[in-house]
């Protein structure tokens, strides 16, 4: 079955990034993009969960956790697992700038917004950036995009499972993250061909 979930291209991410209106929005954008966390996980991140020097953020299990069984496959799906996730350099820079804007006490939420407010924020970025089909874009789109990009970049599946908080691989996981957009495919193919070409030029 072909994956029909909406994935953001690099061009769309760049356009939406430019529509963040302040340091808080920039930090939310980069954290969603880099970690692929769920929006209800994002709003529970505390100051002590963020380790900028180690490029990590601890994702907590929300107080209200939903679990379900995939009716089509019969597989159990775990909706949220506590874990450590990765912050790339763009996320570290955005968070460092934002964290300087106020004095965060231990135990305080880093992103003091409701999940509904963040949904509205993402919808506004998509609309203002004039991306295609903006009505299909929501915070979870960043999660699908993160997993797809990691897989396309050659990150082993067990690592992606750990970063995204999946308890195990499943058919749902493979359907969700196995159909990257063409710009990711092109970048990966051209990079592989360049590396192969350079290796053949090296003296044996």
Foldseek 3Di string as FASTA:
>chain_A
DAFPADADDPLLLVLLCVPQDDLLSNLVSQCCQQLLEDLLQLQQFAPVQDDLVVQKGWGDDHPDFDWDADPVPRHTWGRADTAIAGRDPSNSVSLVVLPVVDPGDGPDGSNNDDQVVQQVSQLVSNVVSVDPPSVSDGSSNSNLNNLQLCVLQPNDPVVSCRSHVTPDDDPVSCNSRVDDDPVSNVVSVVVVVVVVVVVVPDDD
